[in-house]
Structures are given as C-alpha cells and as structure tokens.
Amino acid sequence: MPAQPTASFGVSRRAVLLGGAVAAGATALGMPPAAALAAQPARPIRDPFTLGVASGDPLPGGVVLWTRLAPDPLSGGGMPDRPVPVAWQVATDERFRDVVASDAEVSRPGLGHSVHAEVEGLRPGAEYFYRFRAGSELSPVGRTRTAPARGARLDRFAFAFTSCQAYPHGYFTAHRHMSEEDLDLVVQLGDYIYEGAPDPASLRPHEGTGEPVSLVEYRNRYAQYKADADLQAAHAAFAWAVVLDDHEIDNNWADEVPQDPQTQPRDAFLARRAAAFQAYYEHMPLRRSSLPSGIDMQLYRRLTFGDLVDVHLLDTRQYRSDQALQDQRFDPARTILGDEQESWLQNAVAGPTARWNILAQQVFFSQRDFAAGPAVNLSTDAWDNYVADRDGLRDHVAAVGTPNPVVLTGDVHANYVCDVKADFDDPDSATVATELVGTSISTGGDGVDQNPSDAVQLSENPHIKFINRNRGYVRNVITPAGWTADYRVVDVVTTPGAPVRTRASFAIEDGVPGAQPV
C-alpha cells in the first residue's frame, strides 16, 4: 500500500465508544461464508463476552483482535467442550455502517475458547472499530488503529506505558483515566496478574484457594482481572503491546528456576510455567507467532510506527541466569537477555531504525544503589545483577549510534527518570540514553509522593533525576523534535473514582539523551 506522506498518527478522541451491542441488533453481524462450515452451538450461549475485547501488535495493514468466550469466567469459562465459531467485523465507524473486513475464527476448548484474529488488508495509520458475535450474542465494541506505512513521515505518536496491577491492592482507576487519553498505543510491561493466594482481608480478594499452578487455575485468575470494567475500558480504547514479567508465573522466577526451588521441584515449576504461558497467550492480543510451545514462548519483537518510532519489546525472564549474590554480578557469563535475544537486539538497533528507539522491558536498567556512604546495596533482580549484559547493551547502543534510545521500565511500583551514563560511577561521564520508569496501577495500595529512603537514592545515584510513588501510568507524546513524558497519577486506589493529575513532566530533545523537567 502507498505510504501516507505527512499523516499524523494521533487519535482524535471520540466522545462515545460503544460498550455493548449496537442498536441494529445481533442480526447486523452476519456469519461470513468462510465460517459456514462450523456448526452453530447446539444450545444458545448466553453472555459469553464477560472478559471484553482487545486489540494488539498493530502493523501497517492490520492488527490482532482478541476476545475469549467465558459465560462463567471464574469457573474455567463455562463453555461447552467443543469448538464454537466466532464472527468478527471491522468498520470505519462506531455504528458499523461502513464494514471493511469480516470473517470468523473457531474458538477451541484447547485454547480456552480464546480468539486471536489477525486482520490484514486494512489501511495504514487508520482508526477502526471492531466487534465479535457468538451465536446471537454481540460483544462490546473496541477501537483500534493500524500502524502507519513503513517509512511514512509521522508528525506525532502518543502512547502510555503501564505495569503491575495487583487486583487485591486496589481499584484499576488509572486504567479508566488512561482509556480517556488521546493515545495510539498502550505498552504493558508485565505483572498483568499476580499469583498470590487469596487473602480474605484484602480489599478485593483473589479468587481460588491458593496460588494458581494449573491451566484452569491460571485461566480463572486472568478472568478475574479481565472482568474488571476499568481494565476492559483501556483495552477497548487502544491497541496494546504486551510482555510479561515475573508475577504472571511466580515471583522473581528466572528461566527454569522458581523463586523457591527448595519447595517447588523443577518439574513442577516447568509444568506451572507451561500452564501460565498458555493462559497468558489465551488472554492477550498476541499473534500466532507467540503461541507457546511447552515452556517456550516468543515474546521479543519489534513494532514500527512510520519513520518516527521503533518499539523493541524485550523479555528479561525466559532466558536470564538465576539471581546471584552481589559479588557475582560482574561475571561475564551471566545474562538477562540470553544470547539469541541479545544478538537480535544488537542487530536491530545497529541497522536502519526510526528516529526514536524504545527498549520496552521489565526491570530497572540503570544502576541503583540503596545504601548511603561507601557501602553498596543493589537489587539482585534488576540489570545491576547482570552487569555484562547491561553495560554491553549500553555501550553497543552508543557505539553504533542508535538514534534516541529510551528504556521503558516497570516492576518497581514507583516513577523514576534516569540518565543512562557511559559510566554509572562517574557522574561526569556522557549520558548515552534515557530511562523512564513507570509506577504501578495498583500494586502496593495507595501510594505516597516519596519515601524517606528516596533521599538516599537521589544522593547516591546522581543519574536518577526523579522519584515518585503514587499510582498511575506514563503518558508520552513523541514528535520528530522531542519526547514529552507526563507522569499521570491518582492519589488513592483503595477507593474507586480518584481523579488523575500530572505529577511531573519531562522532555527529551531529539539527539540529546537525558530528560529535563518541563
């Protein structure tokens, strides 16, 4: 398809996103001929779209559309043990007067009756609306947007990034506010669910009787999260790009090692990992290329948005060495990316790229010393525990001249802004990249502006420019000239409906690494 020469990728926020069936009724969505070979269910399935709809991984000509049929979401889904056809439509308008694509997928019991429709043949850089039908039931309506044509001149790209949404700790109020932003994409950096056992004393107790370990148990846990109305609103409003972290399986797991190998045998953990990966795929708008094979799942990938932005989505869990004591962190054999992913990334950032290069990943990248004075206290779960990989990637990006590298991080339930230094122990060394760290949606409950210990971090790590511990997300607007990051926060999550505000804003100038307060 021809490139759009100067089109902006910014979304014009519509006043209405239809949240249910359209007025025309279920008959408006006819089953396309391609699906006629799949028989309709023997008995009607009532209210199968309890988990909402989502889209993801936009390309210039298409996008992934997702839903999962689950009339009884917290009890395995409640679907019959047979394939069920699900039709879908894509239109240029909310009322589906101009339908531009339609077809059907067969949802199967083996994948939890999830649907991953990889739609192609759409216009680059265009807004669309989509919906599903199962039997006579219509899904809510979602909005999405395809990526601009490769190399197309792009004047604006807006996205938010988010992570860490513990259901028991608070309401997903930030997601509701995020759904009302003017965005082209949402990047989710992991901890989409938490694996903890239910605590009756928590604000919103987890379902189940213990930590999930089986496929059905993980399905139920995801269903509880996906049923949240605020999270559904954010998924329905924009395409998402997702990667997982640790709590989708087990806290602080590393490759084939669980958090507590003494109490969780290796074979049991690998079975749990396979179940967790499948449940993750079943509930995310991912392409078939990410369909798990046992304990393996392809998640690192690149999304391109015209000539302006490349998003490199990284996986820092599947391939990493186990966490080690601090004195082992310099061992060059230790890895957080694994050899294959590291090679892929080094080639990607050294080749032709867009003007801005995002490294979207999970754990703290910059050096972070928690101890005052000459003592050193570093996290064993962050890049500080894998110095060879961290410094090697940093030095490679600088050596090959990757344009405008910006690292995105989640995990730590706090907002940070960091200069990525050529030598973290020398404050006067060159700044070679920028790291933006986003807080949690709800994990940790009601946040605070700062903790007393943050003064130590700021003093011991002069490359850290900002710390804040409210809950929320980071809104980003990128143009050819610069990047503006707005740290959007809510003051409470233990009661619903808190207003959102911008706690701080930082700007990165094209060609000048490091962020400055606005």
Protein backbone atom coordinates (compact mmCIF):
# COMPACT_ATOMS: atom_id res chain seq x y z
CA MET A 1 0.00 0.00 0.00
CA PRO A 2 1.27 3.56 -0.71
CA ALA A 3 2.78 5.47 2.19
CA GLN A 4 0.88 8.36 3.71
CA PRO A 5 3.37 11.19 3.22
CA THR A 6 2.68 13.50 6.18
CA ALA A 7 -0.24 11.94 8.06
CA SER A 8 -0.29 12.20 11.84
CA PHE A 9 -0.86 9.01 13.81
CA GLY A 10 -2.62 10.87 16.61
CA VAL A 11 -6.08 9.59 17.57
CA SER A 12 -8.98 12.02 17.65
CA ARG A 13 -10.69 11.06 20.87
CA ARG A 14 -14.30 10.09 20.12
CA ALA A 15 -16.98 11.07 22.59
CA VAL A 16 -18.53 7.62 22.50
CA LEU A 17 -17.03 4.15 22.48
CA LEU A 18 -19.92 1.76 22.29
CA GLY A 19 -19.78 -0.52 25.29
CA GLY A 20 -22.28 -3.13 24.13
CA ALA A 21 -24.41 -4.33 21.26
CA VAL A 22 -25.29 -1.73 18.67
CA ALA A 23 -28.87 -0.65 18.09
CA ALA A 24 -29.11 -2.57 14.86
CA GLY A 25 -29.12 -5.78 16.90
CA ALA A 26 -27.40 -9.12 16.55
CA THR A 27 -28.62 -9.73 13.02
CA ALA A 28 -26.39 -6.89 11.82
CA LEU A 29 -23.37 -9.13 12.21
CA GLY A 30 -23.94 -11.99 9.81
CA MET A 31 -21.71 -15.04 9.82
CA PRO A 32 -19.44 -14.81 6.76
CA PRO A 33 -19.43 -17.70 4.27
CA ALA A 34 -15.95 -18.80 5.38
CA ALA A 35 -17.40 -19.83 8.72
CA ALA A 36 -20.48 -21.62 7.42
CA LEU A 37 -18.72 -24.97 7.75
CA ALA A 38 -18.57 -24.51 11.52
CA ALA A 39 -21.88 -25.51 13.07
CA GLN A 40 -23.60 -23.18 15.49
CA PRO A 41 -23.72 -24.31 19.13
CA ALA A 42 -26.41 -26.86 19.87
CA ARG A 43 -27.79 -24.61 22.60
CA PRO A 44 -27.52 -20.81 22.82
CA ILE A 45 -24.57 -19.44 24.78
CA ARG A 46 -25.66 -16.53 26.92
CA ASP A 47 -23.36 -13.61 27.80
CA PRO A 48 -20.09 -15.10 26.51
CA PHE A 49 -18.20 -11.78 26.32
CA THR A 50 -17.71 -11.19 30.05
CA LEU A 51 -13.97 -10.55 29.54
CA GLY A 52 -14.40 -7.79 26.99
CA VAL A 53 -12.39 -7.27 23.80
CA ALA A 54 -8.87 -6.14 22.97
CA SER A 55 -6.54 -5.46 20.07
CA GLY A 56 -2.79 -5.52 19.80
CA ASP A 57 0.50 -5.56 17.88
CA PRO A 58 -0.57 -3.18 15.09
CA LEU A 59 1.11 -3.45 11.70
CA PRO A 60 0.72 -1.12 8.71
CA GLY A 61 -2.02 -3.28 7.21
CA GLY A 62 -3.57 -4.99 10.17
CA VAL A 63 -3.93 -5.75 13.85
CA VAL A 64 -4.77 -8.62 16.19
CA LEU A 65 -8.33 -8.70 17.54
CA TRP A 66 -8.91 -10.63 20.77
CA THR A 67 -11.74 -11.95 22.86
CA ARG A 68 -12.44 -15.06 24.91
CA LEU A 69 -15.81 -16.72 25.35
CA ALA A 70 -16.40 -17.15 29.08
CA PRO A 71 -20.03 -17.09 30.30
CA ASP A 72 -18.84 -18.43 33.67
CA PRO A 73 -15.42 -16.74 33.85
CA LEU A 74 -14.27 -17.79 37.34
CA SER A 75 -15.11 -21.48 36.85
CA GLY A 76 -12.97 -22.35 33.86
CA GLY A 77 -15.05 -20.29 31.45
CA GLY A 78 -18.24 -22.29 31.34
CA MET A 79 -18.10 -23.10 27.62
CA PRO A 80 -19.13 -26.45 26.09
CA ASP A 81 -16.30 -28.84 25.32
CA ARG A 82 -16.44 -28.28 21.58
CA PRO A 83 -15.33 -25.69 19.02
CA VAL A 84 -17.55 -22.61 18.71
CA PRO A 85 -17.42 -20.24 15.72
CA VAL A 86 -16.94 -16.55 16.47
CA ALA A 87 -17.54 -13.96 13.76
CA TRP A 88 -15.85 -10.59 13.71
CA GLN A 89 -16.30 -7.30 11.89
CA VAL A 90 -14.10 -4.26 11.36
CA ALA A 91 -15.64 -0.92 10.38
CA THR A 92 -14.57 2.69 9.97
CA ASP A 93 -17.37 3.92 12.25
CA GLU A 94 -18.79 3.03 15.65
CA ARG A 95 -22.19 2.10 14.19
CA PHE A 96 -20.73 -0.33 11.66
CA ARG A 97 -22.37 1.32 8.68
CA ASP A 98 -19.08 1.00 6.75
CA VAL A 99 -17.81 -2.54 7.33
CA VAL A 100 -14.45 -3.03 5.62
CA ALA A 101 -13.49 -6.53 6.81
CA SER A 102 -15.29 -9.54 8.28
CA ASP A 103 -14.62 -13.19 8.81
CA ALA A 104 -14.77 -15.79 11.57
CA GLU A 105 -12.48 -17.77 13.80
CA VAL A 106 -13.16 -21.07 15.51
CA SER A 107 -12.66 -20.80 19.27
CA ARG A 108 -11.47 -24.12 20.65
CA PRO A 109 -11.53 -25.67 24.11
CA GLY A 110 -7.77 -26.32 23.96
CA LEU A 111 -7.13 -22.56 23.98
CA GLY A 112 -9.88 -21.69 26.43
CA HIS A 113 -12.24 -20.59 23.61
CA SER A 114 -9.99 -17.57 23.04
CA VAL A 115 -9.95 -15.78 19.69
CA HIS A 116 -6.88 -14.19 18.07
CA ALA A 117 -7.98 -12.81 14.69
CA GLU A 118 -5.03 -11.50 12.69
CA VAL A 119 -6.76 -8.98 10.45
CA GLU A 120 -4.97 -7.90 7.28
CA GLY A 121 -5.72 -5.66 4.30
CA LEU A 122 -6.58 -2.53 6.28
CA ARG A 123 -5.33 0.98 5.55
CA PRO A 124 -2.10 2.03 7.28
CA GLY A 125 -2.39 4.60 10.04
CA ALA A 126 -6.17 4.38 10.18
CA GLU A 127 -8.68 4.16 13.01
CA TYR A 128 -11.13 1.25 13.07
CA PHE A 129 -13.84 -0.23 15.24
CA TYR A 130 -14.39 -3.94 15.76
CA ARG A 131 -16.76 -6.41 17.42
CA PHE A 132 -17.46 -10.13 17.67
CA ARG A 133 -20.50 -12.36 17.56
CA ALA A 134 -21.05 -15.83 19.02
CA GLY A 135 -24.44 -17.23 18.19
CA SER A 136 -26.86 -14.34 18.68
CA GLU A 137 -24.65 -12.57 21.23
CA LEU A 138 -22.70 -9.42 20.33
CA SER A 139 -19.53 -8.32 22.08
CA PRO A 140 -18.71 -4.81 23.26
CA VAL A 141 -17.18 -2.61 20.59
CA GLY A 142 -13.48 -1.88 20.57
CA ARG A 143 -11.45 0.79 18.83
CA THR A 144 -8.01 0.23 17.34
CA ARG A 145 -5.55 1.73 14.91
CA THR A 146 -3.17 0.24 12.39
CA ALA A 147 0.46 1.33 12.23
CA PRO A 148 1.46 3.84 9.54
CA ALA A 149 3.15 2.59 6.40
CA ARG A 150 6.80 1.74 6.93
CA GLY A 151 8.94 4.80 6.39
CA ALA A 152 5.95 7.13 6.24
CA ARG A 153 6.59 10.56 7.67
CA LEU A 154 4.93 10.79 11.07
CA ASP A 155 4.43 14.03 12.97
CA ARG A 156 3.13 12.63 16.27
CA PHE A 157 2.91 9.36 18.16
CA ALA A 158 1.26 9.13 21.57
CA PHE A 159 1.33 6.13 23.88
CA ALA A 160 1.15 5.18 27.54
CA PHE A 161 3.08 2.52 29.37
CA THR A 162 1.90 0.65 32.42
CA SER A 163 2.68 -2.34 34.66
CA CYS A 164 1.94 -4.02 37.99
CA GLN A 165 -1.80 -4.26 38.55
CA ALA A 166 -2.40 -6.27 41.74
CA TYR A 167 -6.15 -6.85 41.96
CA PRO A 168 -6.26 -7.24 45.77
CA HIS A 169 -4.36 -3.99 46.40
CA GLY A 170 -6.76 -1.53 44.81
CA TYR A 171 -9.03 -0.44 42.02
CA PHE A 172 -7.80 -0.03 38.45
CA THR A 173 -8.85 3.64 38.41
CA ALA A 174 -5.77 4.61 36.42
CA HIS A 175 -6.89 2.36 33.56
CA ARG A 176 -10.20 4.21 33.36
CA HIS A 177 -8.39 7.53 33.08
CA MET A 178 -5.96 6.08 30.57
CA SER A 179 -8.89 4.98 28.38
CA GLU A 180 -9.87 8.66 28.08
CA GLU A 181 -6.46 9.83 26.85
CA ASP A 182 -5.53 10.63 23.25
CA LEU A 183 -3.29 7.63 22.54
CA ASP A 184 -2.18 5.45 19.65
CA LEU A 185 -0.87 2.52 21.73
CA VAL A 186 -0.57 1.14 25.26
CA VAL A 187 2.60 -0.78 26.23
CA GLN A 188 2.14 -3.19 29.16
CA LEU A 189 5.46 -4.14 30.75
CA GLY A 190 4.36 -7.07 32.87
CA ASP A 191 2.78 -8.18 36.14
CA TYR A 192 -0.59 -8.17 34.41
CA ILE A 193 -1.79 -10.56 37.11
CA TYR A 194 -0.40 -11.58 40.48
CA GLU A 195 -0.05 -15.19 41.51
CA GLY A 196 -0.64 -14.77 45.24
CA ALA A 197 -3.13 -16.89 47.16
CA PRO A 198 -6.39 -15.20 48.18
CA ASP A 199 -6.34 -13.18 51.38
CA PRO A 200 -9.85 -12.57 52.76
CA ALA A 201 -8.58 -9.43 54.48
CA SER A 202 -7.50 -7.76 51.23
CA LEU A 203 -9.57 -5.10 49.51
CA ARG A 204 -10.51 -7.31 46.55
CA PRO A 205 -9.52 -10.89 47.39
CA HIS A 206 -8.12 -13.12 44.68
CA GLU A 207 -10.33 -15.97 43.51
CA GLY A 208 -9.39 -19.60 44.19
CA THR A 209 -7.97 -21.37 47.20
CA GLY A 210 -4.23 -20.92 46.67
CA GLU A 211 -1.64 -19.82 44.13
CA PRO A 212 -2.52 -20.89 40.58
CA VAL A 213 -0.39 -23.70 39.21
CA SER A 214 -2.65 -25.45 36.67
CA LEU A 215 -4.03 -24.13 33.40
CA VAL A 216 -7.59 -23.89 34.74
CA GLU A 217 -6.37 -22.02 37.82
CA TYR A 218 -4.44 -19.51 35.73
CA ARG A 219 -7.44 -19.08 33.45
CA ASN A 220 -9.59 -18.25 36.44
CA ARG A 221 -7.03 -15.75 37.74
CA TYR A 222 -6.81 -13.99 34.38
CA ALA A 223 -10.59 -13.99 34.09
CA GLN A 224 -10.91 -12.20 37.42
CA TYR A 225 -8.59 -9.45 36.22
CA LYS A 226 -10.03 -9.25 32.70
CA ALA A 227 -13.56 -8.86 34.10
CA ASP A 228 -12.57 -5.54 35.70
CA ALA A 229 -14.54 -2.78 33.95
CA ASP A 230 -11.74 -0.20 34.10
CA LEU A 231 -9.21 -2.59 32.55
CA GLN A 232 -11.73 -3.55 29.87
CA ALA A 233 -12.22 0.12 29.02
CA ALA A 234 -8.48 0.64 28.47
CA HIS A 235 -8.25 -2.45 26.26
CA ALA A 236 -11.28 -1.42 24.22
CA ALA A 237 -9.92 2.07 23.62
CA PHE A 238 -6.49 1.30 22.12
CA ALA A 239 -4.25 -1.38 20.70
CA TRP A 240 -1.86 -2.84 23.29
CA ALA A 241 1.64 -4.30 23.03
CA VAL A 242 2.35 -6.68 25.92
CA VAL A 243 5.27 -8.51 27.52
CA LEU A 244 5.24 -10.44 30.78
CA ASP A 245 7.40 -10.21 33.89
CA ASP A 246 7.51 -12.49 36.93
CA HIS A 247 4.11 -12.46 38.65
CA GLU A 248 2.39 -13.95 35.63
CA ILE A 249 4.05 -17.16 36.87
CA ASP A 250 5.98 -16.88 40.14
CA ASN A 251 7.73 -14.03 41.91
CA ASN A 252 11.35 -13.50 40.75
CA TRP A 253 11.50 -16.63 38.59
CA ALA A 254 14.48 -16.90 36.26
CA ASP A 255 14.40 -19.18 33.21
CA GLU A 256 13.81 -22.67 34.65
CA VAL A 257 14.33 -21.66 38.31
CA PRO A 258 11.37 -20.72 40.54
CA GLN A 259 11.58 -18.29 43.41
CA ASP A 260 11.82 -21.12 45.95
CA PRO A 261 13.45 -24.16 44.28
CA GLN A 262 13.64 -25.92 47.64
CA THR A 263 9.85 -26.16 47.87
CA GLN A 264 8.94 -26.20 44.16
CA PRO A 265 10.70 -29.02 42.29
CA ARG A 266 11.98 -28.21 38.81
CA ASP A 267 9.50 -30.49 37.00
CA ALA A 268 6.57 -28.99 38.89
CA PHE A 269 7.74 -25.47 38.11
CA LEU A 270 8.18 -26.21 34.40
CA ALA A 271 4.64 -27.61 34.27
CA ARG A 272 3.44 -24.47 36.02
CA ARG A 273 5.39 -22.28 33.58
CA ALA A 274 3.83 -24.03 30.58
CA ALA A 275 0.33 -23.58 32.04
CA ALA A 276 0.98 -19.93 32.87
CA PHE A 277 2.34 -19.20 29.38
CA GLN A 278 -0.68 -20.75 27.72
CA ALA A 279 -3.09 -18.81 29.93
CA TYR A 280 -1.17 -15.61 29.19
CA TYR A 281 -1.48 -16.20 25.46
CA GLU A 282 -5.17 -17.05 25.78
CA HIS A 283 -5.86 -13.69 27.40
CA MET A 284 -3.62 -11.32 25.40
CA PRO A 285 -3.97 -9.81 21.89
CA LEU A 286 -0.89 -11.64 20.61
CA ARG A 287 -0.13 -13.08 17.19
CA ARG A 288 0.12 -16.80 16.50
CA SER A 289 3.89 -16.38 16.45
CA SER A 290 3.65 -16.05 20.25
CA LEU A 291 1.63 -19.25 20.74
CA PRO A 292 3.59 -21.14 23.43
CA SER A 293 5.24 -24.48 22.82
CA GLY A 294 5.52 -26.04 26.25
CA ILE A 295 7.75 -23.81 28.37
CA ASP A 296 8.83 -21.63 25.42
CA MET A 297 7.06 -18.51 24.21
CA GLN A 298 8.27 -15.99 21.63
CA LEU A 299 7.70 -12.52 23.08
CA TYR A 300 10.61 -10.31 21.99
CA ARG A 301 9.74 -8.45 18.81
CA ARG A 302 9.75 -5.02 17.15
CA LEU A 303 6.82 -2.78 16.20
CA THR A 304 7.46 0.12 13.83
CA PHE A 305 5.43 3.32 13.53
CA GLY A 306 6.38 5.13 10.34
CA ASP A 307 9.73 6.90 10.37
CA LEU A 308 9.25 8.11 13.95
CA VAL A 309 9.24 5.23 16.44
CA ASP A 310 10.55 1.68 16.77
CA VAL A 311 9.33 -0.24 19.80
CA HIS A 312 11.63 -3.13 20.75
CA LEU A 313 9.72 -5.35 23.18
CA LEU A 314 12.14 -7.36 25.34
CA ASP A 315 11.83 -10.46 27.52
CA THR A 316 14.02 -10.39 30.63
CA ARG A 317 12.62 -13.54 32.30
CA GLN A 318 12.73 -16.57 29.99
CA TYR A 319 16.45 -16.54 29.27
CA ARG A 320 18.09 -14.99 32.32
CA SER A 321 20.61 -16.55 34.66
CA ASP A 322 19.35 -17.10 38.17
CA GLN A 323 19.71 -14.16 40.54
CA ALA A 324 23.10 -14.22 42.27
CA LEU A 325 24.86 -12.59 45.17
CA GLN A 326 26.15 -9.07 44.56
CA ASP A 327 29.78 -10.13 44.27
CA GLN A 328 28.88 -12.34 41.27
CA ARG A 329 27.15 -9.60 39.29
CA PHE A 330 30.23 -8.87 37.16
CA ASP A 331 30.52 -12.47 35.92
CA PRO A 332 30.53 -12.11 32.10
CA ALA A 333 28.75 -15.45 31.73
CA ARG A 334 25.65 -14.10 33.45
CA THR A 335 22.84 -12.96 31.16
CA ILE A 336 19.44 -11.36 31.45
CA LEU A 337 18.57 -11.46 27.73
CA GLY A 338 20.09 -14.74 26.58
CA ASP A 339 22.42 -14.99 23.60
CA GLU A 340 19.77 -15.20 20.87
CA GLN A 341 17.70 -12.25 22.06
CA GLU A 342 20.82 -10.17 22.70
CA SER A 343 22.07 -10.81 19.16
CA TRP A 344 18.65 -9.95 17.70
CA LEU A 345 18.51 -6.69 19.65
CA GLN A 346 22.07 -5.64 18.84
CA ASN A 347 21.40 -6.18 15.13
CA ALA A 348 18.07 -4.36 15.32
CA VAL A 349 19.42 -1.20 16.94
CA ALA A 350 22.50 -1.17 14.69
CA GLY A 351 20.52 -1.37 11.47
CA PRO A 352 18.07 1.08 9.90
CA THR A 353 15.76 2.36 12.62
CA ALA A 354 13.21 5.06 13.21
CA ARG A 355 14.14 8.41 14.76
CA TRP A 356 13.23 7.22 18.29
CA ASN A 357 14.11 3.76 19.60
CA ILE A 358 12.20 2.39 22.57
CA LEU A 359 13.52 -0.56 24.59
CA ALA A 360 10.36 -1.72 26.39
CA GLN A 361 11.33 -4.12 29.16
CA GLN A 362 10.61 -5.05 32.74
CA VAL A 363 13.26 -4.39 35.41
CA PHE A 364 15.40 -1.41 36.46
CA PHE A 365 18.13 -0.78 33.89
CA SER A 366 20.22 1.99 35.44
CA GLN A 367 22.48 1.42 38.42
CA ARG A 368 20.58 1.93 41.68
CA ASP A 369 22.48 1.91 44.98
CA PHE A 370 20.22 1.84 48.03
CA ALA A 371 22.98 2.25 50.65
CA ALA A 372 24.29 5.56 51.97
CA GLY A 373 28.03 6.14 52.04
CA PRO A 374 30.71 3.76 50.73
CA ALA A 375 28.57 0.63 51.16
CA VAL A 376 26.85 -0.70 48.04
CA ASN A 377 23.41 -2.31 48.03
CA LEU A 378 21.97 -3.21 44.62
CA SER A 379 18.92 -5.15 43.52
CA THR A 380 19.58 -8.76 42.55
CA ASP A 381 16.51 -8.90 40.30
CA ALA A 382 17.44 -5.92 38.10
CA TRP A 383 20.08 -5.28 35.40
CA ASP A 384 22.50 -4.45 38.25
CA ASN A 385 22.75 -8.21 38.79
CA TYR A 386 23.71 -8.72 35.11
CA VAL A 387 26.37 -6.06 34.58
CA ALA A 388 27.92 -7.56 31.45
CA ASP A 389 24.59 -7.58 29.60
CA ARG A 390 23.63 -4.11 30.83
CA ASP A 391 26.93 -2.42 30.11
CA GLY A 392 27.34 -4.32 26.85
CA LEU A 393 23.95 -3.14 25.57
CA ARG A 394 24.56 0.42 26.75
CA ASP A 395 27.98 0.56 25.10
CA HIS A 396 26.70 -1.04 21.89
CA VAL A 397 23.87 1.47 21.52
CA ALA A 398 26.36 4.30 21.95
CA ALA A 399 28.93 2.79 19.58
CA VAL A 400 26.53 2.16 16.68
CA GLY A 401 24.78 5.50 17.14
CA THR A 402 21.25 4.20 17.70
CA PRO A 403 19.04 7.29 17.38
CA ASN A 404 17.39 8.48 20.59
CA PRO A 405 17.40 5.30 22.72
CA VAL A 406 14.81 5.37 25.54
CA VAL A 407 14.45 2.48 28.01
CA LEU A 408 10.98 1.86 29.46
CA THR A 409 10.76 0.02 32.78
CA GLY A 410 8.08 -1.25 35.15
CA ASP A 411 8.33 -3.64 38.13
CA VAL A 412 9.31 -1.30 40.99
CA HIS A 413 5.92 0.35 41.72
CA ALA A 414 7.40 3.84 41.50
CA ASN A 415 8.08 6.55 38.94
CA TYR A 416 11.70 7.34 38.11
CA VAL A 417 13.59 9.32 35.48
CA CYS A 418 17.23 8.33 34.90
CA ASP A 419 20.13 9.36 32.73
CA VAL A 420 21.82 6.23 31.38
CA LYS A 421 25.50 7.07 31.87
CA ALA A 422 28.51 5.79 29.97
CA ASP A 423 29.92 5.06 33.45
CA PHE A 424 27.42 4.99 36.29
CA ASP A 425 30.22 5.50 38.82
CA ASP A 426 31.29 8.74 37.12
CA PRO A 427 28.55 11.40 37.19
CA ASP A 428 30.54 13.47 34.69
CA SER A 429 30.57 10.71 32.06
CA ALA A 430 28.44 11.06 28.96
CA THR A 431 24.71 10.42 29.04
CA VAL A 432 24.04 7.89 26.29
CA ALA A 433 20.32 7.09 26.75
CA THR A 434 17.28 7.84 28.90
CA GLU A 435 15.34 5.54 31.21
CA LEU A 436 11.71 6.22 32.10
CA VAL A 437 10.30 4.04 34.88
CA GLY A 438 6.57 3.79 35.46
CA THR A 439 4.75 3.19 38.72
CA SER A 440 2.12 0.52 39.35
CA ILE A 441 -1.56 0.68 38.50
CA SER A 442 -2.49 -0.58 41.97
CA THR A 443 0.30 -2.74 43.43
CA GLY A 444 1.24 -1.52 46.89
CA GLY A 445 -2.12 0.12 47.51
CA ASP A 446 -2.40 3.86 48.00
CA GLY A 447 0.92 5.42 47.16
CA VAL A 448 2.80 8.39 48.58
CA ASP A 449 4.73 11.15 46.88
CA GLN A 450 8.09 9.91 48.18
CA ASN A 451 9.52 7.72 50.93
CA PRO A 452 12.28 8.94 53.29
CA SER A 453 14.64 6.42 51.69
CA ASP A 454 14.27 8.16 48.32
CA ALA A 455 16.61 10.92 49.51
CA VAL A 456 19.35 8.32 49.85
CA GLN A 457 18.73 7.02 46.34
CA LEU A 458 18.86 10.53 44.87
CA SER A 459 22.06 11.28 46.75
CA GLU A 460 23.86 8.02 45.93
CA ASN A 461 22.71 7.90 42.30
CA PRO A 462 23.03 11.37 40.75
CA HIS A 463 21.89 9.99 37.41
CA ILE A 464 18.42 9.45 38.97
CA LYS A 465 16.58 12.72 38.41
CA PHE A 466 13.12 11.99 39.83
CA ILE A 467 11.30 9.56 42.13
CA ASN A 468 7.58 9.43 42.91
CA ARG A 469 5.49 6.66 44.49
CA ASN A 470 1.89 7.46 43.57
CA ARG A 471 -0.05 5.03 41.36
CA GLY A 472 -0.75 5.63 37.69
CA TYR A 473 0.86 5.44 34.25
CA VAL A 474 3.18 7.42 31.99
CA ARG A 475 1.73 9.26 29.00
CA ASN A 476 4.20 10.01 26.19
CA VAL A 477 3.95 12.23 23.14
CA ILE A 478 6.73 11.88 20.56
CA THR A 479 7.41 14.22 17.65
CA PRO A 480 10.44 14.48 15.36
CA ALA A 481 11.78 17.25 17.60
CA GLY A 482 11.27 15.70 21.01
CA TRP A 483 9.57 13.44 23.54
CA THR A 484 7.38 14.58 26.43
CA ALA A 485 6.65 12.16 29.28
CA ASP A 486 3.81 13.04 31.66
CA TYR A 487 3.69 11.09 34.92
CA ARG A 488 -0.06 10.72 35.43
CA VAL A 489 -1.03 9.70 38.97
CA VAL A 490 -4.02 9.06 41.22
CA ASP A 491 -3.72 9.70 44.94
CA VAL A 492 -5.74 6.68 46.11
CA VAL A 493 -6.65 3.26 44.73
CA THR A 494 -8.34 1.81 47.82
CA THR A 495 -11.49 3.73 46.95
CA PRO A 496 -12.76 3.97 43.37
CA GLY A 497 -13.05 7.09 41.26
CA ALA A 498 -9.99 9.11 42.30
CA PRO A 499 -9.14 11.94 39.87
CA VAL A 500 -5.97 11.85 37.79
CA ARG A 501 -3.31 14.55 37.67
CA THR A 502 0.10 15.09 36.12
CA ARG A 503 2.66 14.81 38.92
CA ALA A 504 5.62 15.81 36.72
CA SER A 505 6.59 16.15 33.09
CA PHE A 506 9.97 15.58 31.46
CA ALA A 507 11.23 16.32 27.95
CA ILE A 508 13.88 14.63 25.83
CA GLU A 509 15.25 16.60 22.90
CA ASP A 510 15.95 14.86 19.61
CA GLY A 511 19.62 13.93 19.53
CA VAL A 512 20.24 14.88 23.19
CA PRO A 513 19.97 11.88 25.55
CA GLY A 514 18.70 12.53 29.05
CA ALA A 515 15.40 14.02 30.24
CA GLN A 516 14.84 17.51 31.57
CA PRO A 517 11.92 18.65 33.75
CA VAL A 518 9.28 20.69 31.97
